[in-house]
Each structure stands twice: as C-alpha cells, then as structure tokens.
Amino acid sequence: MTSTRGLLDELDKAGLDKALSEAGCLGSTIDSEAKRLVLDLEILSLPEQITGIATGDATPGTHTERVQLTFHGVTRIAASLRVQRWDDLEPRILPLELTGLDAAVASFGGSRLHGWEFVDLDDSSWALWSELLSFDTTIDTRSSRHVLEFSQEEGVDPRELDIRVWFDSVTAHRADGEPIPLPDLVAGSQRWWAAHDKGDPRASHPGIAPPL
C-alpha cells in the first residue's frame, strides 16, 4: 500500500500525531462489519481560555480530554502481542485474534502512546515487527488511503502490543457523543504541548519529562 503524506482529510497529519502523543489508550472497539475501529483515549489538552502562562501559585496538574477517535473504512488490521524476558534470546509471540484485540488493549491498563508519529508514518517500525505477527486480518481487499500504527507497553511485565490499522478517514467525539471537529481537537493538544515546552505547571505529567 502506498500511504498518503501530508494532509489527512484536510488536516495536517502532524496535528493528529501530536494529539495522539502520550495519550492514554483506555480501550478499543472493533466492528468488522462496519469496517470501523474506535479508540477510547485520554488526550492531553488545554482549553482555549487558559492559554496564558500560569503564575507560580497556579495549581499544577495535567489537563486531559476524554475522546473517542473513530477510524472509518478499515480494510486490514495486524497486531503483534509478544513478551521477551531478560533471559529470552528471542521474543515469544503470544496467541491473539482480531476478536480478542479489544481485551488485549484493555489489559494494558490505559498505558500511554509513546512516540511522535502514528499516522502515515514510514515502514521502518513496521519492518521490525511484521515478522512477529499474532494475526494479520484483511477485512476488505481494496486499498486504504491511510495507515495508523501504535504500541502498548508495560513497564514491569515485558509484554508489548504493536497494532497497525489501514483506514480511510477519522472522526472524533467526546465521551457524551458530541462531535469534535478535528482542528479543535488538534488545537487543544497543541496548546498543551506549547504550555509544556514553556514549563507551564498546568501542562505537567509524572510520566512526561519536563522541558530542557
């Protein structure tokens, strides 16, 4: 598949990448018949009305927004669930099927999506684990416009779950079902990261390194 670069439905893919970075992945729902994957995420976000720099007495804390991202037109999903302990020469591939992917994602307890690229990235990371697949399921034989790739990891238990999804478009909703225009979703995330880079205590998180 030749994935597109640059714009994702009139939205710069870099914006969606930023919104996904360090988002807590709380769960997923796959509907093969509807060719749809829904990710339940906790995205780092600052509302527009508090974009100014916080003063020293401001209350530190991470502002987040509970969001459901729905990937439409899904044609293929591949995943690798594996474990490699310190004395293992090679990773051990764990059994997993498409129908069990939602439970597998949930088993990581809302771990964060590390990295900076998730949408229409090059195939370098895919090449590292595409030979370690638990499953690779084709839902539709047509070519997709885009690809999503993300990982789930555990700090103590050395399990890792890599997922790659071929899809056509994406929409966003709040937990109550209210639609979120993708530019608004991206803007909130961009405000959080801009505040983080300036050392704003409202954009701090124990799992994210402070700015240099």
N, C-alpha and C. Protein backbone atom coordinates (compact mmCIF):
# COMPACT_ATOMS: atom_id res chain seq x y z
N MET A 1 0.83 -1.18 0.00
CA MET A 1 0.00 0.00 0.00
C MET A 1 0.87 1.24 0.00
N THR A 2 0.52 2.20 -0.81
CA THR A 2 1.21 3.49 -0.82
C THR A 2 0.37 4.46 -0.01
N SER A 3 0.83 4.86 1.17
CA SER A 3 0.05 5.74 2.02
C SER A 3 0.29 7.18 1.62
N THR A 4 -0.72 8.00 1.84
CA THR A 4 -0.59 9.41 1.53
C THR A 4 0.25 10.09 2.59
N ARG A 5 0.81 11.23 2.25
CA ARG A 5 1.59 12.02 3.19
C ARG A 5 1.03 13.42 3.20
N GLY A 6 1.14 14.10 4.32
CA GLY A 6 0.76 15.50 4.37
C GLY A 6 -0.62 15.71 4.94
N LEU A 7 -1.66 15.71 4.12
CA LEU A 7 -3.00 16.03 4.58
C LEU A 7 -3.82 14.78 4.86
N LEU A 8 -4.54 14.80 5.96
CA LEU A 8 -5.46 13.74 6.31
C LEU A 8 -6.85 14.37 6.37
N ASP A 9 -7.62 14.21 5.29
CA ASP A 9 -8.94 14.82 5.22
C ASP A 9 -8.88 16.31 5.57
N GLU A 10 -8.02 17.03 4.88
CA GLU A 10 -7.82 18.47 5.04
C GLU A 10 -7.22 18.84 6.38
N LEU A 11 -6.65 17.90 7.10
CA LEU A 11 -5.98 18.17 8.36
C LEU A 11 -4.55 17.66 8.26
N ASP A 12 -3.60 18.50 8.59
CA ASP A 12 -2.21 18.08 8.57
C ASP A 12 -2.04 16.89 9.52
N LYS A 13 -1.50 15.82 9.02
CA LYS A 13 -1.36 14.61 9.84
C LYS A 13 -0.50 14.87 11.07
N ALA A 14 0.41 15.84 10.99
CA ALA A 14 1.26 16.15 12.15
C ALA A 14 0.43 16.60 13.34
N GLY A 15 -0.71 17.26 13.07
CA GLY A 15 -1.58 17.68 14.15
C GLY A 15 -2.20 16.50 14.87
N LEU A 16 -2.66 15.51 14.11
CA LEU A 16 -3.24 14.32 14.73
C LEU A 16 -2.15 13.53 15.45
N ASP A 17 -0.95 13.48 14.89
CA ASP A 17 0.16 12.83 15.57
C ASP A 17 0.38 13.45 16.95
N LYS A 18 0.35 14.78 17.01
CA LYS A 18 0.58 15.46 18.29
C LYS A 18 -0.53 15.14 19.28
N ALA A 19 -1.77 15.09 18.81
CA ALA A 19 -2.89 14.76 19.69
C ALA A 19 -2.77 13.34 20.25
N LEU A 20 -2.22 12.43 19.47
CA LEU A 20 -2.07 11.04 19.91
C LEU A 20 -0.87 10.85 20.83
N SER A 21 0.11 11.71 20.74
CA SER A 21 1.33 11.53 21.52
C SER A 21 1.06 11.60 23.02
N GLU A 22 1.46 10.55 23.73
CA GLU A 22 1.28 10.41 25.18
C GLU A 22 -0.19 10.36 25.60
N ALA A 23 -1.09 10.09 24.66
CA ALA A 23 -2.50 9.91 25.02
C ALA A 23 -2.66 8.57 25.74
N GLY A 24 -3.47 8.54 26.77
CA GLY A 24 -3.77 7.29 27.43
C GLY A 24 -4.76 6.49 26.60
N CYS A 25 -4.42 5.25 26.29
CA CYS A 25 -5.29 4.40 25.48
C CYS A 25 -6.13 3.55 26.44
N LEU A 26 -7.38 3.94 26.64
CA LEU A 26 -8.22 3.32 27.65
C LEU A 26 -8.96 2.09 27.13
N GLY A 27 -9.08 1.97 25.82
CA GLY A 27 -9.77 0.82 25.27
C GLY A 27 -9.99 0.97 23.78
N SER A 28 -10.53 -0.07 23.17
CA SER A 28 -10.81 -0.05 21.74
C SER A 28 -12.04 -0.90 21.46
N THR A 29 -12.67 -0.60 20.33
CA THR A 29 -13.82 -1.40 19.87
C THR A 29 -13.68 -1.60 18.38
N ILE A 30 -13.70 -2.84 17.94
CA ILE A 30 -13.60 -3.16 16.52
C ILE A 30 -14.94 -3.68 16.03
N ASP A 31 -15.40 -3.09 14.94
CA ASP A 31 -16.62 -3.55 14.28
C ASP A 31 -16.23 -3.91 12.85
N SER A 32 -15.97 -5.19 12.61
CA SER A 32 -15.51 -5.63 11.30
C SER A 32 -16.57 -5.41 10.23
N GLU A 33 -17.83 -5.64 10.58
CA GLU A 33 -18.90 -5.49 9.60
C GLU A 33 -19.02 -4.04 9.14
N ALA A 34 -18.88 -3.10 10.08
CA ALA A 34 -18.94 -1.68 9.74
C ALA A 34 -17.59 -1.14 9.28
N LYS A 35 -16.56 -1.98 9.34
CA LYS A 35 -15.19 -1.58 8.95
C LYS A 35 -14.75 -0.35 9.74
N ARG A 36 -14.84 -0.50 11.07
CA ARG A 36 -14.61 0.64 11.95
C ARG A 36 -13.83 0.22 13.19
N LEU A 37 -12.88 1.07 13.59
CA LEU A 37 -12.14 0.88 14.83
C LEU A 37 -12.30 2.14 15.66
N VAL A 38 -12.71 1.99 16.92
CA VAL A 38 -12.86 3.13 17.83
C VAL A 38 -11.81 3.00 18.93
N LEU A 39 -11.03 4.07 19.14
CA LEU A 39 -10.08 4.13 20.24
C LEU A 39 -10.62 5.08 21.29
N ASP A 40 -10.69 4.61 22.53
CA ASP A 40 -11.11 5.43 23.67
C ASP A 40 -9.84 5.99 24.29
N LEU A 41 -9.65 7.31 24.19
CA LEU A 41 -8.38 7.93 24.55
C LEU A 41 -8.56 9.03 25.59
N GLU A 42 -7.51 9.25 26.36
CA GLU A 42 -7.41 10.41 27.25
C GLU A 42 -6.28 11.27 26.70
N ILE A 43 -6.67 12.35 26.00
CA ILE A 43 -5.71 13.17 25.27
C ILE A 43 -5.30 14.37 26.10
N LEU A 44 -4.02 14.70 26.08
CA LEU A 44 -3.52 15.88 26.76
C LEU A 44 -4.02 17.12 26.02
N SER A 45 -4.70 18.01 26.73
CA SER A 45 -5.33 19.15 26.07
C SER A 45 -5.52 20.30 27.04
N LEU A 46 -5.36 21.52 26.54
CA LEU A 46 -5.66 22.73 27.31
C LEU A 46 -6.77 23.49 26.61
N PRO A 47 -7.80 23.91 27.36
CA PRO A 47 -8.85 24.72 26.74
C PRO A 47 -8.32 26.09 26.36
N GLU A 48 -8.99 26.71 25.43
CA GLU A 48 -8.51 27.97 24.87
C GLU A 48 -8.45 29.09 25.89
N GLN A 49 -9.35 29.10 26.88
CA GLN A 49 -9.42 30.22 27.79
C GLN A 49 -8.30 30.25 28.82
N ILE A 50 -7.45 29.21 28.88
CA ILE A 50 -6.35 29.25 29.85
C ILE A 50 -5.03 29.02 29.14
N THR A 51 -4.83 29.71 28.04
CA THR A 51 -3.60 29.52 27.28
C THR A 51 -2.47 30.39 27.78
N GLY A 52 -2.75 31.36 28.65
CA GLY A 52 -1.68 32.20 29.17
C GLY A 52 -0.77 31.43 30.09
N ILE A 53 0.44 31.95 30.33
CA ILE A 53 1.39 31.27 31.21
C ILE A 53 0.91 31.35 32.64
N ALA A 54 0.93 30.23 33.32
CA ALA A 54 0.48 30.17 34.71
C ALA A 54 1.48 30.87 35.62
N THR A 55 0.97 31.46 36.68
CA THR A 55 1.84 32.08 37.68
C THR A 55 2.34 31.02 38.64
N GLY A 56 3.25 31.42 39.51
CA GLY A 56 3.88 30.45 40.41
C GLY A 56 2.92 29.78 41.36
N ASP A 57 1.79 30.47 41.68
CA ASP A 57 0.84 29.87 42.61
C ASP A 57 -0.27 29.10 41.91
N ALA A 58 -0.15 28.93 40.59
CA ALA A 58 -1.16 28.16 39.87
C ALA A 58 -1.09 26.70 40.27
N THR A 59 -2.23 26.05 40.23
CA THR A 59 -2.28 24.65 40.62
C THR A 59 -1.72 23.77 39.51
N PRO A 60 -0.64 23.03 39.81
CA PRO A 60 -0.11 22.13 38.77
C PRO A 60 -1.11 21.02 38.48
N GLY A 61 -0.96 20.43 37.35
CA GLY A 61 -1.81 19.29 37.01
C GLY A 61 -1.93 19.12 35.52
N THR A 62 -2.28 17.92 35.12
CA THR A 62 -2.41 17.61 33.71
C THR A 62 -3.86 17.78 33.28
N HIS A 63 -4.09 18.62 32.29
CA HIS A 63 -5.42 18.76 31.71
C HIS A 63 -5.58 17.73 30.60
N THR A 64 -6.64 16.96 30.68
CA THR A 64 -6.89 15.93 29.68
C THR A 64 -8.32 16.02 29.19
N GLU A 65 -8.56 15.40 28.05
CA GLU A 65 -9.90 15.34 27.49
C GLU A 65 -10.18 13.91 27.06
N ARG A 66 -11.30 13.36 27.50
CA ARG A 66 -11.70 12.01 27.12
C ARG A 66 -12.30 12.06 25.72
N VAL A 67 -11.73 11.33 24.80
CA VAL A 67 -12.08 11.42 23.39
C VAL A 67 -12.20 10.02 22.80
N GLN A 68 -13.14 9.86 21.89
CA GLN A 68 -13.21 8.64 21.08
C GLN A 68 -12.84 9.00 19.64
N LEU A 69 -11.77 8.39 19.15
CA LEU A 69 -11.39 8.54 17.75
C LEU A 69 -11.91 7.33 16.99
N THR A 70 -12.67 7.58 15.93
CA THR A 70 -13.22 6.51 15.11
C THR A 70 -12.54 6.51 13.76
N PHE A 71 -11.92 5.39 13.44
CA PHE A 71 -11.25 5.21 12.15
C PHE A 71 -12.20 4.44 11.24
N HIS A 72 -12.57 5.08 10.14
CA HIS A 72 -13.56 4.53 9.22
C HIS A 72 -12.89 3.89 8.00
N GLY A 73 -13.63 2.99 7.35
CA GLY A 73 -13.11 2.36 6.15
C GLY A 73 -11.92 1.47 6.42
N VAL A 74 -11.92 0.80 7.57
CA VAL A 74 -10.80 -0.08 7.92
C VAL A 74 -10.80 -1.31 7.01
N THR A 75 -9.67 -1.58 6.39
CA THR A 75 -9.58 -2.71 5.48
C THR A 75 -8.68 -3.84 6.00
N ARG A 76 -7.82 -3.50 6.95
CA ARG A 76 -6.86 -4.51 7.42
C ARG A 76 -6.36 -4.11 8.79
N ILE A 77 -6.17 -5.09 9.67
CA ILE A 77 -5.59 -4.86 10.99
C ILE A 77 -4.58 -5.96 11.26
N ALA A 78 -3.40 -5.55 11.68
CA ALA A 78 -2.36 -6.51 12.05
C ALA A 78 -1.89 -6.18 13.46
N ALA A 79 -1.51 -7.21 14.21
CA ALA A 79 -1.06 -6.99 15.58
C ALA A 79 -0.02 -8.02 15.97
N SER A 80 0.87 -7.60 16.85
CA SER A 80 1.88 -8.49 17.43
C SER A 80 1.86 -8.32 18.94
N LEU A 81 1.43 -9.36 19.63
CA LEU A 81 1.46 -9.40 21.10
C LEU A 81 2.58 -10.35 21.49
N ARG A 82 3.57 -9.84 22.20
CA ARG A 82 4.74 -10.67 22.49
C ARG A 82 5.32 -10.31 23.85
N VAL A 83 6.17 -11.19 24.32
CA VAL A 83 6.84 -10.98 25.59
C VAL A 83 8.29 -11.40 25.43
N GLN A 84 9.19 -10.67 26.03
CA GLN A 84 10.61 -11.02 25.99
C GLN A 84 11.23 -10.69 27.34
N ARG A 85 11.45 -11.71 28.14
CA ARG A 85 12.07 -11.52 29.44
C ARG A 85 13.58 -11.41 29.27
N TRP A 86 14.25 -11.05 30.36
CA TRP A 86 15.67 -10.75 30.28
C TRP A 86 16.50 -11.94 29.80
N ASP A 87 16.03 -13.16 30.07
CA ASP A 87 16.80 -14.33 29.68
C ASP A 87 16.30 -14.98 28.39
N ASP A 88 15.39 -14.31 27.68
CA ASP A 88 14.90 -14.83 26.40
C ASP A 88 15.79 -14.35 25.26
N LEU A 89 16.24 -15.28 24.43
CA LEU A 89 17.05 -14.89 23.27
C LEU A 89 16.20 -14.22 22.20
N GLU A 90 14.96 -14.66 22.06
CA GLU A 90 14.06 -14.11 21.07
C GLU A 90 12.71 -13.81 21.74
N PRO A 91 11.96 -12.83 21.22
CA PRO A 91 10.63 -12.57 21.78
C PRO A 91 9.70 -13.75 21.55
N ARG A 92 8.82 -13.98 22.48
CA ARG A 92 7.84 -15.06 22.38
C ARG A 92 6.51 -14.45 21.93
N ILE A 93 6.01 -14.88 20.78
CA ILE A 93 4.76 -14.35 20.24
C ILE A 93 3.59 -15.01 20.96
N LEU A 94 2.70 -14.19 21.49
CA LEU A 94 1.56 -14.70 22.24
C LEU A 94 0.35 -14.85 21.31
N PRO A 95 -0.49 -15.83 21.57
CA PRO A 95 -1.66 -16.04 20.71
C PRO A 95 -2.66 -14.89 20.85
N LEU A 96 -3.20 -14.44 19.73
CA LEU A 96 -4.17 -13.35 19.72
C LEU A 96 -4.90 -13.39 18.38
N GLU A 97 -6.20 -13.11 18.42
CA GLU A 97 -7.00 -13.00 17.21
C GLU A 97 -7.68 -11.64 17.20
N LEU A 98 -8.19 -11.25 16.04
CA LEU A 98 -8.85 -9.95 15.91
C LEU A 98 -9.96 -9.79 16.94
N THR A 99 -10.72 -10.83 17.18
CA THR A 99 -11.85 -10.75 18.12
C THR A 99 -11.39 -10.50 19.55
N GLY A 100 -10.12 -10.78 19.85
CA GLY A 100 -9.61 -10.57 21.20
C GLY A 100 -8.78 -9.30 21.36
N LEU A 101 -8.70 -8.50 20.30
CA LEU A 101 -7.84 -7.32 20.35
C LEU A 101 -8.33 -6.29 21.36
N ASP A 102 -9.64 -6.09 21.44
CA ASP A 102 -10.17 -5.12 22.40
C ASP A 102 -9.74 -5.47 23.83
N ALA A 103 -9.86 -6.73 24.18
CA ALA A 103 -9.48 -7.17 25.52
C ALA A 103 -7.97 -7.03 25.73
N ALA A 104 -7.20 -7.29 24.69
CA ALA A 104 -5.75 -7.16 24.79
C ALA A 104 -5.34 -5.72 25.05
N VAL A 105 -5.96 -4.78 24.33
CA VAL A 105 -5.68 -3.35 24.55
C VAL A 105 -6.04 -2.96 25.98
N ALA A 106 -7.21 -3.39 26.44
CA ALA A 106 -7.66 -3.05 27.79
C ALA A 106 -6.73 -3.62 28.86
N SER A 107 -6.09 -4.75 28.57
CA SER A 107 -5.24 -5.40 29.57
C SER A 107 -3.99 -4.59 29.91
N PHE A 108 -3.68 -3.58 29.10
CA PHE A 108 -2.52 -2.73 29.38
C PHE A 108 -2.87 -1.56 30.30
N GLY A 109 -4.12 -1.50 30.74
CA GLY A 109 -4.50 -0.56 31.79
C GLY A 109 -4.38 0.91 31.44
N GLY A 110 -4.64 1.27 30.20
CA GLY A 110 -4.62 2.68 29.83
C GLY A 110 -3.24 3.25 29.63
N SER A 111 -2.29 2.43 29.26
CA SER A 111 -0.92 2.92 29.06
C SER A 111 -0.87 3.94 27.93
N ARG A 112 0.13 4.81 27.99
CA ARG A 112 0.21 5.94 27.07
C ARG A 112 0.86 5.55 25.75
N LEU A 113 0.48 6.29 24.71
CA LEU A 113 1.01 6.06 23.37
C LEU A 113 2.29 6.89 23.23
N HIS A 114 3.43 6.26 23.36
CA HIS A 114 4.69 6.96 23.27
C HIS A 114 5.09 7.15 21.81
N GLY A 115 5.81 8.21 21.56
CA GLY A 115 6.29 8.48 20.21
C GLY A 115 5.66 9.74 19.65
N TRP A 116 6.08 10.08 18.42
CA TRP A 116 5.62 11.32 17.80
C TRP A 116 4.95 11.11 16.45
N GLU A 117 5.00 9.89 15.92
CA GLU A 117 4.38 9.62 14.63
C GLU A 117 3.49 8.39 14.74
N PHE A 118 2.28 8.54 14.25
CA PHE A 118 1.30 7.46 14.31
C PHE A 118 0.56 7.26 12.99
N VAL A 119 0.37 8.34 12.25
CA VAL A 119 -0.43 8.30 11.02
C VAL A 119 0.46 8.46 9.80
N ASP A 120 0.29 7.56 8.83
CA ASP A 120 1.04 7.61 7.57
C ASP A 120 2.55 7.72 7.80
N LEU A 121 3.04 7.04 8.82
CA LEU A 121 4.47 7.01 9.06
C LEU A 121 5.14 6.05 8.08
N ASP A 122 6.45 6.12 7.99
CA ASP A 122 7.13 5.22 7.06
C ASP A 122 7.11 3.79 7.62
N ASP A 123 7.64 2.86 6.86
CA ASP A 123 7.51 1.44 7.22
C ASP A 123 8.67 0.92 8.09
N SER A 124 9.50 1.80 8.63
CA SER A 124 10.67 1.33 9.38
C SER A 124 10.27 0.56 10.63
N SER A 125 9.29 1.07 11.39
CA SER A 125 8.88 0.35 12.60
C SER A 125 8.10 -0.91 12.25
N TRP A 126 7.26 -0.83 11.23
CA TRP A 126 6.50 -1.99 10.76
C TRP A 126 7.44 -3.12 10.37
N ALA A 127 8.56 -2.79 9.75
CA ALA A 127 9.52 -3.81 9.32
C ALA A 127 10.11 -4.55 10.52
N LEU A 128 10.16 -3.90 11.68
CA LEU A 128 10.76 -4.52 12.86
C LEU A 128 9.88 -5.62 13.47
N TRP A 129 8.56 -5.47 13.34
CA TRP A 129 7.69 -6.46 13.98
C TRP A 129 6.73 -7.17 13.04
N SER A 130 6.79 -6.89 11.75
CA SER A 130 5.88 -7.54 10.81
C SER A 130 6.15 -9.03 10.64
N GLU A 131 7.32 -9.48 11.09
CA GLU A 131 7.61 -10.92 11.07
C GLU A 131 7.27 -11.58 12.41
N LEU A 132 6.68 -10.81 13.33
CA LEU A 132 6.34 -11.33 14.67
C LEU A 132 4.85 -11.21 14.93
N LEU A 133 4.06 -11.47 13.91
CA LEU A 133 2.63 -11.20 13.99
C LEU A 133 1.86 -12.26 14.77
N SER A 134 0.95 -11.79 15.61
CA SER A 134 -0.05 -12.67 16.22
C SER A 134 -1.19 -12.92 15.24
N PHE A 135 -1.56 -11.88 14.50
CA PHE A 135 -2.54 -12.03 13.43
C PHE A 135 -2.39 -10.89 12.43
N ASP A 136 -2.88 -11.11 11.23
CA ASP A 136 -2.93 -10.10 10.17
C ASP A 136 -4.21 -10.38 9.40
N THR A 137 -5.25 -9.60 9.69
CA THR A 137 -6.59 -9.88 9.17
C THR A 137 -6.99 -8.86 8.12
N THR A 138 -7.35 -9.33 6.95
CA THR A 138 -7.88 -8.47 5.89
C THR A 138 -9.40 -8.43 6.00
N ILE A 139 -9.95 -7.22 6.13
CA ILE A 139 -11.39 -7.03 6.24
C ILE A 139 -12.00 -6.71 4.88
N ASP A 140 -11.23 -6.00 4.05
CA ASP A 140 -11.67 -5.61 2.71
C ASP A 140 -10.44 -5.60 1.82
N THR A 141 -10.58 -6.07 0.60
CA THR A 141 -9.41 -6.21 -0.28
C THR A 141 -9.02 -4.91 -0.99
N ARG A 142 -9.83 -3.87 -0.90
CA ARG A 142 -9.47 -2.62 -1.57
C ARG A 142 -8.31 -1.94 -0.85
N SER A 143 -7.67 -0.98 -1.51
CA SER A 143 -6.56 -0.23 -0.92
C SER A 143 -7.09 0.89 -0.04
N SER A 144 -6.44 1.11 1.08
CA SER A 144 -6.82 2.18 2.00
C SER A 144 -5.99 3.44 1.74
N ARG A 145 -6.53 4.57 2.19
CA ARG A 145 -5.85 5.84 1.98
C ARG A 145 -4.77 6.11 3.02
N HIS A 146 -4.94 5.54 4.23
CA HIS A 146 -4.05 5.90 5.33
C HIS A 146 -3.72 4.68 6.18
N VAL A 147 -2.75 4.87 7.06
CA VAL A 147 -2.38 3.81 7.99
C VAL A 147 -2.13 4.43 9.37
N LEU A 148 -2.51 3.70 10.40
CA LEU A 148 -2.29 4.08 11.79
C LEU A 148 -1.45 2.99 12.44
N GLU A 149 -0.45 3.39 13.22
CA GLU A 149 0.36 2.42 13.94
C GLU A 149 0.65 2.93 15.35
N PHE A 150 0.42 2.07 16.35
CA PHE A 150 0.71 2.46 17.73
C PHE A 150 1.05 1.22 18.55
N SER A 151 1.63 1.47 19.73
CA SER A 151 2.10 0.38 20.58
C SER A 151 1.57 0.54 22.00
N GLN A 152 1.43 -0.57 22.69
CA GLN A 152 1.13 -0.61 24.11
C GLN A 152 2.26 -1.37 24.80
N GLU A 153 2.75 -0.81 25.91
CA GLU A 153 3.85 -1.45 26.62
C GLU A 153 3.59 -1.41 28.12
N GLU A 154 4.22 -2.33 28.83
CA GLU A 154 4.16 -2.37 30.28
C GLU A 154 5.57 -2.21 30.84
N GLY A 155 5.67 -1.47 31.93
CA GLY A 155 6.99 -1.22 32.50
C GLY A 155 7.57 -2.40 33.26
N VAL A 156 6.72 -3.15 33.97
CA VAL A 156 7.21 -4.25 34.79
C VAL A 156 7.11 -5.57 34.02
N ASP A 157 5.92 -5.89 33.59
CA ASP A 157 5.73 -7.07 32.75
C ASP A 157 6.19 -6.71 31.33
N PRO A 158 7.12 -7.48 30.75
CA PRO A 158 7.68 -7.07 29.45
C PRO A 158 6.81 -7.37 28.24
N ARG A 159 5.49 -7.37 28.40
CA ARG A 159 4.62 -7.55 27.24
C ARG A 159 4.64 -6.29 26.37
N GLU A 160 4.46 -6.48 25.08
CA GLU A 160 4.32 -5.37 24.15
C GLU A 160 3.29 -5.74 23.09
N LEU A 161 2.45 -4.77 22.74
CA LEU A 161 1.43 -4.96 21.73
C LEU A 161 1.59 -3.88 20.67
N ASP A 162 1.92 -4.29 19.46
CA ASP A 162 2.00 -3.37 18.32
C ASP A 162 0.79 -3.60 17.44
N ILE A 163 0.19 -2.50 16.98
CA ILE A 163 -1.03 -2.57 16.17
C ILE A 163 -0.87 -1.66 14.95
N ARG A 164 -1.27 -2.17 13.81
CA ARG A 164 -1.26 -1.39 12.56
C ARG A 164 -2.62 -1.51 11.91
N VAL A 165 -3.20 -0.36 11.55
CA VAL A 165 -4.56 -0.32 11.01
C VAL A 165 -4.54 0.44 9.69
N TRP A 166 -5.11 -0.16 8.67
CA TRP A 166 -5.26 0.50 7.36
C TRP A 166 -6.68 1.07 7.31
N PHE A 167 -6.83 2.37 7.01
CA PHE A 167 -8.14 3.01 7.10
C PHE A 167 -8.25 4.15 6.09
N ASP A 168 -9.45 4.74 6.01
CA ASP A 168 -9.71 5.81 5.04
C ASP A 168 -9.88 7.19 5.68
N SER A 169 -10.58 7.28 6.82
CA SER A 169 -10.85 8.58 7.42
C SER A 169 -11.01 8.43 8.93
N VAL A 170 -11.04 9.57 9.63
CA VAL A 170 -11.14 9.54 11.09
C VAL A 170 -12.04 10.67 11.55
N THR A 171 -12.85 10.39 12.59
CA THR A 171 -13.68 11.40 13.23
C THR A 171 -13.47 11.32 14.74
N ALA A 172 -13.88 12.37 15.45
CA ALA A 172 -13.67 12.44 16.90
C ALA A 172 -14.97 12.82 17.59
N HIS A 173 -15.17 12.25 18.79
CA HIS A 173 -16.32 12.56 19.62
C HIS A 173 -15.88 12.61 21.08
N ARG A 174 -16.59 13.41 21.85
CA ARG A 174 -16.39 13.39 23.30
C ARG A 174 -17.09 12.17 23.89
N ALA A 175 -16.85 11.94 25.17
CA ALA A 175 -17.41 10.74 25.81
C ALA A 175 -18.93 10.74 25.77
N ASP A 176 -19.56 11.94 25.74
CA ASP A 176 -21.02 12.01 25.70
C ASP A 176 -21.58 11.91 24.29
N GLY A 177 -20.69 11.69 23.29
CA GLY A 177 -21.13 11.54 21.92
C GLY A 177 -21.10 12.81 21.10
N GLU A 178 -20.79 13.95 21.71
CA GLU A 178 -20.74 15.21 20.97
C GLU A 178 -19.57 15.21 20.00
N PRO A 179 -19.80 15.51 18.72
CA PRO A 179 -18.71 15.53 17.75
C PRO A 179 -17.69 16.61 18.08
N ILE A 180 -16.43 16.33 17.80
CA ILE A 180 -15.35 17.30 17.95
C ILE A 180 -14.72 17.51 16.59
N PRO A 181 -14.77 18.72 16.04
CA PRO A 181 -14.04 18.95 14.80
C PRO A 181 -12.56 18.64 15.01
N LEU A 182 -11.97 17.92 14.07
CA LEU A 182 -10.57 17.54 14.24
C LEU A 182 -9.64 18.74 14.45
N PRO A 183 -9.86 19.88 13.77
CA PRO A 183 -9.00 21.03 14.05
C PRO A 183 -9.08 21.50 15.51
N ASP A 184 -10.27 21.40 16.13
CA ASP A 184 -10.41 21.79 17.54
C ASP A 184 -9.67 20.81 18.44
N LEU A 185 -9.76 19.53 18.12
CA LEU A 185 -9.04 18.51 18.89
C LEU A 185 -7.54 18.76 18.84
N VAL A 186 -7.04 19.02 17.66
CA VAL A 186 -5.62 19.27 17.47
C VAL A 186 -5.19 20.54 18.19
N ALA A 187 -6.01 21.59 18.11
CA ALA A 187 -5.65 22.87 18.72
C ALA A 187 -5.48 22.73 20.24
N GLY A 188 -6.37 21.98 20.88
CA GLY A 188 -6.26 21.77 22.31
C GLY A 188 -4.98 21.06 22.69
N SER A 189 -4.61 20.06 21.89
CA SER A 189 -3.37 19.33 22.14
C SER A 189 -2.15 20.22 21.89
N GLN A 190 -2.21 21.00 20.85
CA GLN A 190 -1.09 21.90 20.56
C GLN A 190 -0.89 22.92 21.67
N ARG A 191 -2.00 23.41 22.26
CA ARG A 191 -1.88 24.34 23.39
C ARG A 191 -1.22 23.66 24.58
N TRP A 192 -1.57 22.37 24.82
CA TRP A 192 -0.96 21.66 25.95
C TRP A 192 0.55 21.52 25.75
N TRP A 193 0.95 21.09 24.57
CA TRP A 193 2.38 20.88 24.33
C TRP A 193 3.15 22.19 24.30
N ALA A 194 2.54 23.27 23.80
CA ALA A 194 3.19 24.57 23.82
C ALA A 194 3.39 25.03 25.26
N ALA A 195 2.37 24.81 26.11
CA ALA A 195 2.49 25.18 27.52
C ALA A 195 3.54 24.31 28.21
N HIS A 196 3.57 23.03 27.89
CA HIS A 196 4.57 22.13 28.46
C HIS A 196 5.98 22.59 28.12
N ASP A 197 6.18 22.99 26.87
CA ASP A 197 7.51 23.40 26.43
C ASP A 197 7.95 24.69 27.12
N LYS A 198 6.99 25.47 27.63
CA LYS A 198 7.32 26.71 28.34
C LYS A 198 7.41 26.51 29.85
N GLY A 199 7.23 25.28 30.29
CA GLY A 199 7.31 25.00 31.72
C GLY A 199 6.07 25.36 32.50
N ASP A 200 4.93 25.50 31.83
CA ASP A 200 3.68 25.83 32.50
C ASP A 200 3.27 24.65 33.39
N PRO A 201 3.06 24.87 34.70
CA PRO A 201 2.73 23.76 35.59
C PRO A 201 1.40 23.09 35.28
N ARG A 202 0.53 23.75 34.51
CA ARG A 202 -0.74 23.12 34.14
C ARG A 202 -0.54 22.04 33.08
N ALA A 203 0.62 22.03 32.47
CA ALA A 203 0.93 21.03 31.43
C ALA A 203 2.10 20.18 31.91
N SER A 204 1.87 19.52 33.03
CA SER A 204 2.90 18.62 33.58
C SER A 204 2.28 17.24 33.76
N HIS A 205 3.13 16.25 33.68
CA HIS A 205 2.66 14.88 33.88
C HIS A 205 3.82 14.06 34.41
N PRO A 206 3.58 13.22 35.41
CA PRO A 206 4.69 12.46 36.01
C PRO A 206 5.41 11.53 35.04
N GLY A 207 4.72 11.12 33.97
CA GLY A 207 5.35 10.22 33.01
C GLY A 207 5.99 10.92 31.84
N ILE A 208 5.94 12.26 31.81
CA ILE A 208 6.46 13.02 30.68
C ILE A 208 7.57 13.94 31.19
N ALA A 209 8.73 13.84 30.55
CA ALA A 209 9.87 14.62 31.01
C ALA A 209 9.59 16.11 30.88
N PRO A 210 10.03 16.93 31.84
CA PRO A 210 9.87 18.38 31.73
C PRO A 210 10.77 18.92 30.61
N PRO A 211 10.47 20.13 30.11
CA PRO A 211 11.28 20.69 29.04
C PRO A 211 12.70 20.94 29.50
N LEU A 212 13.64 20.88 28.58
CA LEU A 212 15.04 21.12 28.90
C LEU A 212 15.28 22.60 29.15
